[in-house]
Amino acid sequence: ALAAGHELIAGVVGWTDLTRPDVADELARLRELPGGRYLKGI
């Protein structure tokens, strides 16, 4: 959300629990959030 609201931030390297069984679904969910297109790495 910060990235979506500020022109300086061009990308985000975020965190999610890599060991969770549904990690692929969680990454997809993050991509759908406001500013989700700024997610570039974990």
Full PDB file with SEQRES, HELIX, SHEET, SSBOND, CRYST1, ORIGX, SCALE, CONECT and MASTER records, all heavy atoms in Angstrom:
SEQRES   1 A   42  ALA LEU ALA ALA GLY HIS GLU LEU ILE ALA GLY VAL VAL          
SEQRES   2 A   42  GLY TRP THR ASP LEU THR ARG PRO ASP VAL ALA ASP GLU          
SEQRES   3 A   42  LEU ALA ARG LEU ARG GLU LEU PRO GLY GLY ARG TYR LEU          
SEQRES   4 A   42  LYS GLY ILE                                                  
HELIX    1 AA1 VAL A   23  GLU A   32  1                                  10    
HELIX    2 AA2 GLY A   36  TYR A   38  5                                   3    
SHEET    1 AA1 2 VAL A  12  VAL A  13  0                                        
SHEET    2 AA1 2 LEU A  39  GLY A  41  1                                        
CRYST1    1.000    1.000    1.000  90.00  90.00  90.00 P 1           1          
ORIGX1      1.000000  0.000000  0.000000        0.00000                         
ORIGX2      0.000000  1.000000  0.000000        0.00000                         
ORIGX3      0.000000  0.000000  1.000000        0.00000                         
SCALE1      1.000000  0.000000  0.000000        0.00000                         
SCALE2      0.000000  1.000000  0.000000        0.00000                         
SCALE3      0.000000  0.000000  1.000000        0.00000                         
ATOM      1  N   ALA A   1       0.827  -1.207   0.000  1.00  0.00           N  
ATOM      2  CA  ALA A   1       0.000   0.000   0.000  1.00  0.00           C  
ATOM      3  C   ALA A   1       0.860   1.255   0.000  1.00  0.00           C  
ATOM      4  O   ALA A   1       0.522   2.248  -0.672  1.00  0.00           O  
ATOM      5  CB  ALA A   1      -0.934  -0.005   1.206  1.00  0.00           C  
ATOM      6  N   LEU A   2       1.968   1.241   0.746  1.00  0.00           N  
ATOM      7  CA  LEU A   2       2.895   2.375   0.726  1.00  0.00           C  
ATOM      8  C   LEU A   2       3.433   2.610  -0.673  1.00  0.00           C  
ATOM      9  O   LEU A   2       3.523   3.753  -1.142  1.00  0.00           O  
ATOM     10  CB  LEU A   2       4.060   2.131   1.686  1.00  0.00           C  
ATOM     11  CG  LEU A   2       3.834   2.342   3.173  1.00  0.00           C  
ATOM     12  CD1 LEU A   2       5.099   1.971   3.948  1.00  0.00           C  
ATOM     13  CD2 LEU A   2       3.455   3.798   3.465  1.00  0.00           C  
ATOM     14  N   ALA A   3       3.813   1.532  -1.352  1.00  0.00           N  
ATOM     15  CA  ALA A   3       4.358   1.664  -2.704  1.00  0.00           C  
ATOM     16  C   ALA A   3       3.327   2.240  -3.661  1.00  0.00           C  
ATOM     17  O   ALA A   3       3.652   3.074  -4.522  1.00  0.00           O  
ATOM     18  CB  ALA A   3       4.844   0.306  -3.203  1.00  0.00           C  
ATOM     19  N   ALA A   4       2.084   1.811  -3.499  1.00  0.00           N  
ATOM     20  CA  ALA A   4       1.027   2.316  -4.368  1.00  0.00           C  
ATOM     21  C   ALA A   4       0.778   3.798  -4.153  1.00  0.00           C  
ATOM     22  O   ALA A   4       0.311   4.500  -5.059  1.00  0.00           O  
ATOM     23  CB  ALA A   4      -0.258   1.533  -4.136  1.00  0.00           C  
ATOM     24  N   GLY A   5       1.118   4.283  -2.965  1.00  0.00           N  
ATOM     25  CA  GLY A   5       0.835   5.678  -2.646  1.00  0.00           C  
ATOM     26  C   GLY A   5       2.010   6.617  -2.753  1.00  0.00           C  
ATOM     27  O   GLY A   5       1.878   7.801  -2.429  1.00  0.00           O  
ATOM     28  N   HIS A   6       3.168   6.113  -3.201  1.00  0.00           N  
ATOM     29  CA  HIS A   6       4.341   6.978  -3.265  1.00  0.00           C  
ATOM     30  C   HIS A   6       5.162   6.665  -4.510  1.00  0.00           C  
ATOM     31  O   HIS A   6       5.574   5.519  -4.714  1.00  0.00           O  
ATOM     32  CB  HIS A   6       5.208   6.811  -2.017  1.00  0.00           C  
ATOM     33  CG  HIS A   6       6.063   8.014  -1.741  1.00  0.00           C  
ATOM     34  ND1 HIS A   6       7.137   8.353  -2.526  1.00  0.00           N  
ATOM     35  CD2 HIS A   6       5.989   8.975  -0.781  1.00  0.00           C  
ATOM     36  CE1 HIS A   6       7.704   9.458  -2.064  1.00  0.00           C  
ATOM     37  NE2 HIS A   6       7.007   9.855  -1.005  1.00  0.00           N  
ATOM     38  N   GLU A   7       5.406   7.683  -5.319  1.00  0.00           N  
ATOM     39  CA  GLU A   7       6.078   7.470  -6.605  1.00  0.00           C  
ATOM     40  C   GLU A   7       7.531   7.033  -6.464  1.00  0.00           C  
ATOM     41  O   GLU A   7       8.107   6.471  -7.399  1.00  0.00           O  
ATOM     42  CB  GLU A   7       6.031   8.754  -7.440  1.00  0.00           C  
ATOM     43  CG  GLU A   7       6.756   9.927  -6.789  1.00  0.00           C  
ATOM     44  CD  GLU A   7       6.675  11.187  -7.641  1.00  0.00           C  
ATOM     45  OE1 GLU A   7       6.013  11.150  -8.692  1.00  0.00           O  
ATOM     46  OE2 GLU A   7       7.290  12.194  -7.248  1.00  0.00           O  
ATOM     47  N   LEU A   8       8.144   7.245  -5.301  1.00  0.00           N  
ATOM     48  CA  LEU A   8       9.551   6.890  -5.138  1.00  0.00           C  
ATOM     49  C   LEU A   8       9.745   5.378  -5.087  1.00  0.00           C  
ATOM     50  O   LEU A   8      10.719   4.846  -5.631  1.00  0.00           O  
ATOM     51  CB  LEU A   8      10.096   7.526  -3.855  1.00  0.00           C  
ATOM     52  CG  LEU A   8      11.583   7.307  -3.562  1.00  0.00           C  
ATOM     53  CD1 LEU A   8      12.453   7.989  -4.606  1.00  0.00           C  
ATOM     54  CD2 LEU A   8      11.929   7.829  -2.166  1.00  0.00           C  
ATOM     55  N   ILE A   9       8.832   4.655  -4.428  1.00  0.00           N  
ATOM     56  CA  ILE A   9       8.982   3.211  -4.233  1.00  0.00           C  
ATOM     57  C   ILE A   9       8.497   2.484  -5.482  1.00  0.00           C  
ATOM     58  O   ILE A   9       7.324   2.520  -5.828  1.00  0.00           O  
ATOM     59  CB  ILE A   9       8.204   2.749  -2.997  1.00  0.00           C  
ATOM     60  CG1 ILE A   9       8.697   3.471  -1.742  1.00  0.00           C  
ATOM     61  CG2 ILE A   9       8.353   1.229  -2.817  1.00  0.00           C  
ATOM     62  CD1 ILE A   9       7.858   3.201  -0.513  1.00  0.00           C  
ATOM     63  N   ALA A  10       9.440   1.797  -6.139  1.00  0.00           N  
ATOM     64  CA  ALA A  10       9.116   1.118  -7.392  1.00  0.00           C  
ATOM     65  C   ALA A  10       8.901  -0.374  -7.209  1.00  0.00           C  
ATOM     66  O   ALA A  10       8.428  -1.048  -8.124  1.00  0.00           O  
ATOM     67  CB  ALA A  10      10.236   1.354  -8.406  1.00  0.00           C  
ATOM     68  N   GLY A  11       9.256  -0.899  -6.053  1.00  0.00           N  
ATOM     69  CA  GLY A  11       9.090  -2.322  -5.821  1.00  0.00           C  
ATOM     70  C   GLY A  11       9.189  -2.658  -4.348  1.00  0.00           C  
ATOM     71  O   GLY A  11       9.724  -1.877  -3.557  1.00  0.00           O  
ATOM     72  N   VAL A  12       8.660  -3.831  -3.991  1.00  0.00           N  
ATOM     73  CA  VAL A  12       8.670  -4.309  -2.609  1.00  0.00           C  
ATOM     74  C   VAL A  12       9.196  -5.737  -2.579  1.00  0.00           C  
ATOM     75  O   VAL A  12       8.780  -6.584  -3.393  1.00  0.00           O  
ATOM     76  CB  VAL A  12       7.248  -4.271  -1.996  1.00  0.00           C  
ATOM     77  CG1 VAL A  12       7.206  -4.995  -0.652  1.00  0.00           C  
ATOM     78  CG2 VAL A  12       6.768  -2.831  -1.854  1.00  0.00           C  
ATOM     79  N   VAL A  13      10.124  -5.997  -1.676  1.00  0.00           N  
ATOM     80  CA  VAL A  13      10.518  -7.360  -1.331  1.00  0.00           C  
ATOM     81  C   VAL A  13       9.869  -7.666   0.017  1.00  0.00           C  
ATOM     82  O   VAL A  13      10.252  -7.092   1.040  1.00  0.00           O  
ATOM     83  CB  VAL A  13      12.048  -7.510  -1.245  1.00  0.00           C  
ATOM     84  CG1 VAL A  13      12.424  -8.922  -0.759  1.00  0.00           C  
ATOM     85  CG2 VAL A  13      12.690  -7.236  -2.598  1.00  0.00           C  
ATOM     86  N   GLY A  14       8.878  -8.507  -0.001  1.00  0.00           N  
ATOM     87  CA  GLY A  14       8.082  -8.760   1.196  1.00  0.00           C  
ATOM     88  C   GLY A  14       8.441 -10.068   1.869  1.00  0.00           C  
ATOM     89  O   GLY A  14       9.449 -10.712   1.554  1.00  0.00           O  
ATOM     90  N   TRP A  15       7.593 -10.453   2.834  1.00  0.00           N  
ATOM     91  CA  TRP A  15       7.777 -11.718   3.551  1.00  0.00           C  
ATOM     92  C   TRP A  15       6.488 -12.502   3.536  1.00  0.00           C  
ATOM     93  O   TRP A  15       5.395 -11.934   3.617  1.00  0.00           O  
ATOM     94  CB  TRP A  15       8.176 -11.469   5.007  1.00  0.00           C  
ATOM     95  CG  TRP A  15       8.342 -12.759   5.783  1.00  0.00           C  
ATOM     96  CD1 TRP A  15       9.465 -13.528   5.839  1.00  0.00           C  
ATOM     97  CD2 TRP A  15       7.348 -13.426   6.566  1.00  0.00           C  
ATOM     98  NE1 TRP A  15       9.235 -14.644   6.619  1.00  0.00           N  
ATOM     99  CE2 TRP A  15       7.944 -14.614   7.087  1.00  0.00           C  
ATOM    100  CE3 TRP A  15       6.020 -13.161   6.881  1.00  0.00           C  
ATOM    101  CZ2 TRP A  15       7.255 -15.514   7.893  1.00  0.00           C  
ATOM    102  CZ3 TRP A  15       5.321 -14.057   7.694  1.00  0.00           C  
ATOM    103  CH2 TRP A  15       5.939 -15.217   8.190  1.00  0.00           C  
ATOM    104  N   THR A  16       6.637 -13.798   3.393  1.00  0.00           N  
ATOM    105  CA  THR A  16       5.564 -14.727   3.701  1.00  0.00           C  
ATOM    106  C   THR A  16       6.208 -16.010   4.178  1.00  0.00           C  
ATOM    107  O   THR A  16       7.396 -16.254   3.912  1.00  0.00           O  
ATOM    108  CB  THR A  16       4.641 -14.982   2.493  1.00  0.00           C  
ATOM    109  OG1 THR A  16       3.442 -15.618   2.926  1.00  0.00           O  
ATOM    110  CG2 THR A  16       5.319 -15.842   1.435  1.00  0.00           C  
ATOM    111  N   ASP A  17       5.465 -16.821   4.884  1.00  0.00           N  
ATOM    112  CA  ASP A  17       5.990 -18.066   5.428  1.00  0.00           C  
ATOM    113  C   ASP A  17       6.150 -19.078   4.295  1.00  0.00           C  
ATOM    114  O   ASP A  17       5.168 -19.619   3.783  1.00  0.00           O  
ATOM    115  CB  ASP A  17       5.047 -18.595   6.507  1.00  0.00           C  
ATOM    116  CG  ASP A  17       5.543 -19.876   7.156  1.00  0.00           C  
ATOM    117  OD1 ASP A  17       6.622 -20.372   6.766  1.00  0.00           O  
ATOM    118  OD2 ASP A  17       4.836 -20.368   8.061  1.00  0.00           O  
ATOM    119  N   LEU A  18       7.387 -19.338   3.905  1.00  0.00           N  
ATOM    120  CA  LEU A  18       7.643 -20.259   2.807  1.00  0.00           C  
ATOM    121  C   LEU A  18       7.214 -21.685   3.118  1.00  0.00           C  
ATOM    122  O   LEU A  18       6.999 -22.489   2.199  1.00  0.00           O  
ATOM    123  CB  LEU A  18       9.131 -20.259   2.459  1.00  0.00           C  
ATOM    124  CG  LEU A  18       9.708 -18.984   1.853  1.00  0.00           C  
ATOM    125  CD1 LEU A  18      11.214 -19.140   1.631  1.00  0.00           C  
ATOM    126  CD2 LEU A  18       9.021 -18.633   0.545  1.00  0.00           C  
ATOM    127  N   THR A  19       7.096 -22.005   4.394  1.00  0.00           N  
ATOM    128  CA  THR A  19       6.792 -23.387   4.771  1.00  0.00           C  
ATOM    129  C   THR A  19       5.289 -23.678   4.840  1.00  0.00           C  
ATOM    130  O   THR A  19       4.911 -24.833   5.034  1.00  0.00           O  
ATOM    131  CB  THR A  19       7.430 -23.737   6.132  1.00  0.00           C  
ATOM    132  OG1 THR A  19       6.789 -22.985   7.173  1.00  0.00           O  
ATOM    133  CG2 THR A  19       8.922 -23.412   6.132  1.00  0.00           C  
ATOM    134  N   ARG A  20       4.456 -22.662   4.676  1.00  0.00           N  
ATOM    135  CA  ARG A  20       3.011 -22.911   4.763  1.00  0.00           C  
ATOM    136  C   ARG A  20       2.562 -23.720   3.540  1.00  0.00           C  
ATOM    137  O   ARG A  20       3.030 -23.485   2.408  1.00  0.00           O  
ATOM    138  CB  ARG A  20       2.228 -21.611   4.882  1.00  0.00           C  
ATOM    139  CG  ARG A  20       2.435 -20.626   3.775  1.00  0.00           C  
ATOM    140  CD  ARG A  20       1.743 -19.305   4.054  1.00  0.00           C  
ATOM    141  NE  ARG A  20       0.291 -19.411   4.022  1.00  0.00           N  
ATOM    142  CZ  ARG A  20      -0.536 -18.440   4.413  1.00  0.00           C  
ATOM    143  NH1 ARG A  20      -0.047 -17.285   4.860  1.00  0.00           N  
ATOM    144  NH2 ARG A  20      -1.842 -18.606   4.346  1.00  0.00           N  
ATOM    145  N   PRO A  21       1.662 -24.669   3.717  1.00  0.00           N  
ATOM    146  CA  PRO A  21       1.255 -25.531   2.597  1.00  0.00           C  
ATOM    147  C   PRO A  21       0.632 -24.765   1.436  1.00  0.00           C  
ATOM    148  O   PRO A  21       0.743 -25.193   0.284  1.00  0.00           O  
ATOM    149  CB  PRO A  21       0.236 -26.490   3.239  1.00  0.00           C  
ATOM    150  CG  PRO A  21       0.546 -26.464   4.693  1.00  0.00           C  
ATOM    151  CD  PRO A  21       1.040 -25.076   4.984  1.00  0.00           C  
ATOM    152  N   ASP A  22      -0.018 -23.651   1.731  1.00  0.00           N  
ATOM    153  CA  ASP A  22      -0.707 -22.884   0.687  1.00  0.00           C  
ATOM    154  C   ASP A  22       0.079 -21.651   0.273  1.00  0.00           C  
ATOM    155  O   ASP A  22      -0.500 -20.619  -0.083  1.00  0.00           O  
ATOM    156  CB  ASP A  22      -2.091 -22.473   1.171  1.00  0.00           C  
ATOM    157  CG  ASP A  22      -2.037 -21.548   2.396  1.00  0.00           C  
ATOM    158  OD1 ASP A  22      -0.974 -21.490   3.060  1.00  0.00           O  
ATOM    159  OD2 ASP A  22      -3.048 -20.880   2.679  1.00  0.00           O  
ATOM    160  N   VAL A  23       1.401 -21.737   0.276  1.00  0.00           N  
ATOM    161  CA  VAL A  23       2.216 -20.557  -0.007  1.00  0.00           C  
ATOM    162  C   VAL A  23       1.927 -19.997  -1.397  1.00  0.00           C  
ATOM    163  O   VAL A  23       1.926 -18.776  -1.595  1.00  0.00           O  
ATOM    164  CB  VAL A  23       3.721 -20.861   0.186  1.00  0.00           C  
ATOM    165  CG1 VAL A  23       4.204 -21.945  -0.758  1.00  0.00           C  
ATOM    166  CG2 VAL A  23       4.551 -19.601   0.032  1.00  0.00           C  
ATOM    167  N   ALA A  24       1.662 -20.846  -2.372  1.00  0.00           N  
ATOM    168  CA  ALA A  24       1.356 -20.355  -3.723  1.00  0.00           C  
ATOM    169  C   ALA A  24       0.087 -19.509  -3.715  1.00  0.00           C  
ATOM    170  O   ALA A  24       0.024 -18.445  -4.356  1.00  0.00           O  
ATOM    171  CB  ALA A  24       1.216 -21.521  -4.693  1.00  0.00           C  
ATOM    172  N   ASP A  25      -0.921 -19.962  -2.993  1.00  0.00           N  
ATOM    173  CA  ASP A  25      -2.165 -19.196  -2.885  1.00  0.00           C  
ATOM    174  C   ASP A  25      -1.930 -17.872  -2.169  1.00  0.00           C  
ATOM    175  O   ASP A  25      -2.525 -16.847  -2.524  1.00  0.00           O  
ATOM    176  CB  ASP A  25      -3.226 -19.996  -2.132  1.00  0.00           C  
ATOM    177  CG  ASP A  25      -3.696 -21.221  -2.908  1.00  0.00           C  
ATOM    178  OD1 ASP A  25      -3.536 -21.236  -4.145  1.00  0.00           O  
ATOM    179  OD2 ASP A  25      -4.211 -22.156  -2.260  1.00  0.00           O  
ATOM    180  N   GLU A  26      -1.062 -17.889  -1.148  1.00  0.00           N  
ATOM    181  CA  GLU A  26      -0.779 -16.661  -0.405  1.00  0.00           C  
ATOM    182  C   GLU A  26      -0.061 -15.646  -1.289  1.00  0.00           C  
ATOM    183  O   GLU A  26      -0.362 -14.448  -1.241  1.00  0.00           O  
ATOM    184  CB  GLU A  26       0.047 -16.981   0.835  1.00  0.00           C  
ATOM    185  CG  GLU A  26       0.477 -15.760   1.644  1.00  0.00           C  
ATOM    186  CD  GLU A  26      -0.680 -14.937   2.187  1.00  0.00           C  
ATOM    187  OE1 GLU A  26      -1.838 -15.411   2.153  1.00  0.00           O  
ATOM    188  OE2 GLU A  26      -0.417 -13.815   2.671  1.00  0.00           O  
ATOM    189  N   LEU A  27       0.860 -16.093  -2.094  1.00  0.00           N  
ATOM    190  CA  LEU A  27       1.542 -15.178  -3.015  1.00  0.00           C  
ATOM    191  C   LEU A  27       0.549 -14.578  -4.014  1.00  0.00           C  
ATOM    192  O   LEU A  27       0.609 -13.383  -4.317  1.00  0.00           O  
ATOM    193  CB  LEU A  27       2.663 -15.911  -3.754  1.00  0.00           C  
ATOM    194  CG  LEU A  27       3.846 -16.345  -2.889  1.00  0.00           C  
ATOM    195  CD1 LEU A  27       4.797 -17.223  -3.704  1.00  0.00           C  
ATOM    196  CD2 LEU A  27       4.592 -15.144  -2.324  1.00  0.00           C  
ATOM    197  N   ALA A  28      -0.365 -15.396  -4.491  1.00  0.00           N  
ATOM    198  CA  ALA A  28      -1.394 -14.892  -5.404  1.00  0.00           C  
ATOM    199  C   ALA A  28      -2.291 -13.878  -4.709  1.00  0.00           C  
ATOM    200  O   ALA A  28      -2.683 -12.866  -5.313  1.00  0.00           O  
ATOM    201  CB  ALA A  28      -2.215 -16.063  -5.947  1.00  0.00           C  
ATOM    202  N   ARG A  29      -2.614 -14.140  -3.449  1.00  0.00           N  
ATOM    203  CA  ARG A  29      -3.454 -13.203  -2.688  1.00  0.00           C  
ATOM    204  C   ARG A  29      -2.752 -11.859  -2.530  1.00  0.00           C  
ATOM    205  O   ARG A  29      -3.369 -10.799  -2.701  1.00  0.00           O  
ATOM    206  CB  ARG A  29      -3.787 -13.787  -1.317  1.00  0.00           C  
ATOM    207  CG  ARG A  29      -4.751 -12.936  -0.487  1.00  0.00           C  
ATOM    208  CD  ARG A  29      -4.875 -13.452   0.932  1.00  0.00           C  
ATOM    209  NE  ARG A  29      -3.696 -13.153   1.727  1.00  0.00           N  
ATOM    210  CZ  ARG A  29      -3.473 -11.986   2.344  1.00  0.00           C  
ATOM    211  NH1 ARG A  29      -4.360 -10.984   2.235  1.00  0.00           N  
ATOM    212  NH2 ARG A  29      -2.386 -11.800   3.059  1.00  0.00           N  
ATOM    213  N   LEU A  30      -1.471 -11.895  -2.207  1.00  0.00           N  
ATOM    214  CA  LEU A  30      -0.719 -10.650  -2.059  1.00  0.00           C  
ATOM    215  C   LEU A  30      -0.721  -9.862  -3.358  1.00  0.00           C  
ATOM    216  O   LEU A  30      -0.816  -8.628  -3.350  1.00  0.00           O  
ATOM    217  CB  LEU A  30       0.721 -10.954  -1.622  1.00  0.00           C  
ATOM    218  CG  LEU A  30       0.899 -11.472  -0.196  1.00  0.00           C  
ATOM    219  CD1 LEU A  30       2.324 -11.965   0.019  1.00  0.00           C  
ATOM    220  CD2 LEU A  30       0.558 -10.388   0.831  1.00  0.00           C  
ATOM    221  N   ARG A  31      -0.630 -10.549  -4.480  1.00  0.00           N  
ATOM    222  CA  ARG A  31      -0.624  -9.884  -5.777  1.00  0.00           C  
ATOM    223  C   ARG A  31      -1.949  -9.177  -6.073  1.00  0.00           C  
ATOM    224  O   ARG A  31      -1.995  -8.235  -6.870  1.00  0.00           O  
ATOM    225  CB  ARG A  31      -0.348 -10.908  -6.890  1.00  0.00           C  
ATOM    226  CG  ARG A  31       1.099 -11.395  -7.007  1.00  0.00           C  
ATOM    227  CD  ARG A  31       2.083 -10.338  -7.212  1.00  0.00           C  
ATOM    228  NE  ARG A  31       3.025 -10.320  -8.261  1.00  0.00           N  
ATOM    229  CZ  ARG A  31       3.597 -11.270  -8.955  1.00  0.00           C  
ATOM    230  NH1 ARG A  31       3.253 -12.512  -8.836  1.00  0.00           N  
ATOM    231  NH2 ARG A  31       4.519 -11.004  -9.827  1.00  0.00           N  
ATOM    232  N   GLU A  32      -3.022  -9.644  -5.437  1.00  0.00           N  
ATOM    233  CA  GLU A  32      -4.341  -9.069  -5.684  1.00  0.00           C  
ATOM    234  C   GLU A  32      -4.671  -7.911  -4.749  1.00  0.00           C  
ATOM    235  O   GLU A  32      -5.679  -7.229  -4.938  1.00  0.00           O  
ATOM    236  CB  GLU A  32      -5.415 -10.160  -5.541  1.00  0.00           C  
ATOM    237  CG  GLU A  32      -5.347 -11.245  -6.603  1.00  0.00           C  
ATOM    238  CD  GLU A  32      -5.504 -10.679  -8.009  1.00  0.00           C  
ATOM    239  OE1 GLU A  32      -6.389  -9.828  -8.202  1.00  0.00           O  
ATOM    240  OE2 GLU A  32      -4.749 -11.091  -8.900  1.00  0.00           O  
ATOM    241  N   LEU A  33      -3.841  -7.665  -3.751  1.00  0.00           N  
ATOM    242  CA  LEU A  33      -4.081  -6.590  -2.794  1.00  0.00           C  
ATOM    243  C   LEU A  33      -3.800  -5.228  -3.415  1.00  0.00           C  
ATOM    244  O   LEU A  33      -3.131  -5.134  -4.456  1.00  0.00           O  
ATOM    245  CB  LEU A  33      -3.185  -6.782  -1.568  1.00  0.00           C  
ATOM    246  CG  LEU A  33      -3.454  -7.999  -0.690  1.00  0.00           C  
ATOM    247  CD1 LEU A  33      -2.399  -8.081   0.405  1.00  0.00           C  
ATOM    248  CD2 LEU A  33      -4.847  -7.927  -0.084  1.00  0.00           C  
ATOM    249  N   PRO A  34      -4.274  -4.135  -2.801  1.00  0.00           N  
ATOM    250  CA  PRO A  34      -3.885  -2.803  -3.268  1.00  0.00           C  
ATOM    251  C   PRO A  34      -2.367  -2.670  -3.290  1.00  0.00           C  
ATOM    252  O   PRO A  34      -1.694  -2.934  -2.293  1.00  0.00           O  
ATOM    253  CB  PRO A  34      -4.514  -1.874  -2.227  1.00  0.00           C  
ATOM    254  CG  PRO A  34      -5.697  -2.639  -1.709  1.00  0.00           C  
ATOM    255  CD  PRO A  34      -5.263  -4.076  -1.695  1.00  0.00           C  
ATOM    256  N   GLY A  35      -1.837  -2.304  -4.441  1.00  0.00           N  
ATOM    257  CA  GLY A  35      -0.391  -2.215  -4.597  1.00  0.00           C  
ATOM    258  C   GLY A  35       0.273  -3.542  -4.884  1.00  0.00           C  
ATOM    259  O   GLY A  35       1.511  -3.622  -4.917  1.00  0.00           O  
ATOM    260  N   GLY A  36      -0.505  -4.592  -5.100  1.00  0.00           N  
ATOM    261  CA  GLY A  36       0.056  -5.918  -5.295  1.00  0.00           C  
ATOM    262  C   GLY A  36       1.015  -6.026  -6.463  1.00  0.00           C  
ATOM    263  O   GLY A  36       1.922  -6.860  -6.456  1.00  0.00           O  
ATOM    264  N   ARG A  37       0.852  -5.169  -7.442  1.00  0.00           N  
ATOM    265  CA  ARG A  37       1.753  -5.223  -8.600  1.00  0.00           C  
ATOM    266  C   ARG A  37       3.176  -4.802  -8.241  1.00  0.00           C  
ATOM    267  O   ARG A  37       4.106  -5.026  -9.021  1.00  0.00           O  
ATOM    268  CB  ARG A  37       1.211  -4.340  -9.726  1.00  0.00           C  
ATOM    269  CG  ARG A  37       1.213  -2.846  -9.427  1.00  0.00           C  
ATOM    270  CD  ARG A  37       0.507  -2.073 -10.529  1.00  0.00           C  
ATOM    271  NE  ARG A  37       0.484  -0.641 -10.295  1.00  0.00           N  
ATOM    272  CZ  ARG A  37       1.428   0.187 -10.719  1.00  0.00           C  
ATOM    273  NH1 ARG A  37       2.478  -0.256 -11.397  1.00  0.00           N  
ATOM    274  NH2 ARG A  37       1.333   1.489 -10.477  1.00  0.00           N  
ATOM    275  N   TYR A  38       3.348  -4.194  -7.079  1.00  0.00           N  
ATOM    276  CA  TYR A  38       4.689  -3.779  -6.652  1.00  0.00           C  
ATOM    277  C   TYR A  38       5.470  -4.913  -5.970  1.00  0.00           C  
ATOM    278  O   TYR A  38       6.652  -4.737  -5.672  1.00  0.00           O  
ATOM    279  CB  TYR A  38       4.600  -2.584  -5.698  1.00  0.00           C  
ATOM    280  CG  TYR A  38       4.153  -1.321  -6.370  1.00  0.00           C  
ATOM    281  CD1 TYR A  38       2.814  -0.941  -6.356  1.00  0.00           C  
ATOM    282  CD2 TYR A  38       5.067  -0.504  -7.037  1.00  0.00           C  
ATOM    283  CE1 TYR A  38       2.390   0.221  -6.988  1.00  0.00           C  
ATOM    284  CE2 TYR A  38       4.653   0.660  -7.670  1.00  0.00           C  
ATOM    285  CZ  TYR A  38       3.313   1.021  -7.645  1.00  0.00           C  
ATOM    286  OH  TYR A  38       2.905   2.166  -8.274  1.00  0.00           O  
ATOM    287  N   LEU A  39       4.819  -6.034  -5.722  1.00  0.00           N  
ATOM    288  CA  LEU A  39       5.532  -7.158  -5.105  1.00  0.00           C  
ATOM    289  C   LEU A  39       6.498  -7.753  -6.113  1.00  0.00           C  
ATOM    290  O   LEU A  39       6.097  -8.278  -7.155  1.00  0.00           O  
ATOM    291  CB  LEU A  39       4.543  -8.225  -4.621  1.00  0.00           C  
ATOM    292  CG  LEU A  39       5.176  -9.395  -3.861  1.00  0.00           C  
ATOM    293  CD1 LEU A  39       5.786  -8.919  -2.544  1.00  0.00           C  
ATOM    294  CD2 LEU A  39       4.140 -10.491  -3.602  1.00  0.00           C  
ATOM    295  N   LYS A  40       7.768  -7.697  -5.813  1.00  0.00           N  
ATOM    296  CA  LYS A  40       8.811  -8.146  -6.735  1.00  0.00           C  
ATOM    297  C   LYS A  40       9.617  -9.322  -6.204  1.00  0.00           C  
ATOM    298  O   LYS A  40      10.270 -10.026  -6.974  1.00  0.00           O  
ATOM    299  CB  LYS A  40       9.774  -6.987  -7.047  1.00  0.00           C  
ATOM    300  CG  LYS A  40       9.090  -5.736  -7.567  1.00  0.00           C  
ATOM    301  CD  LYS A  40       8.369  -5.992  -8.876  1.00  0.00           C  
ATOM    302  CE  LYS A  40       7.731  -4.709  -9.432  1.00  0.00           C  
ATOM    303  NZ  LYS A  40       7.019  -4.954 -10.703  1.00  0.00           N  
ATOM    304  N   GLY A  41       9.618  -9.510  -4.883  1.00  0.00           N  
ATOM    305  CA  GLY A  41      10.419 -10.582  -4.315  1.00  0.00           C  
ATOM    306  C   GLY A  41       9.976 -10.914  -2.911  1.00  0.00           C  
ATOM    307  O   GLY A  41       9.144 -10.225  -2.313  1.00  0.00           O  
ATOM    308  N   ILE A  42      10.565 -11.989  -2.379  1.00  0.00           N  
ATOM    309  CA  ILE A  42      10.290 -12.463  -1.025  1.00  0.00           C  
ATOM    310  C   ILE A  42      11.627 -12.609  -0.303  1.00  0.00           C  
ATOM    311  O   ILE A  42      12.649 -12.964  -0.909  1.00  0.00           O  
ATOM    312  CB  ILE A  42       9.548 -13.817  -1.052  1.00  0.00           C  
ATOM    313  CG1 ILE A  42       8.166 -13.659  -1.698  1.00  0.00           C  
ATOM    314  CG2 ILE A  42       9.421 -14.409   0.343  1.00  0.00           C  
ATOM    315  CD1 ILE A  42       7.198 -12.760  -0.942  1.00  0.00           C  
TER     316      ILE A  42                                                      
MASTER        0    0    0    2    2    0    0    6  315    1    0    4          
END                                                                             
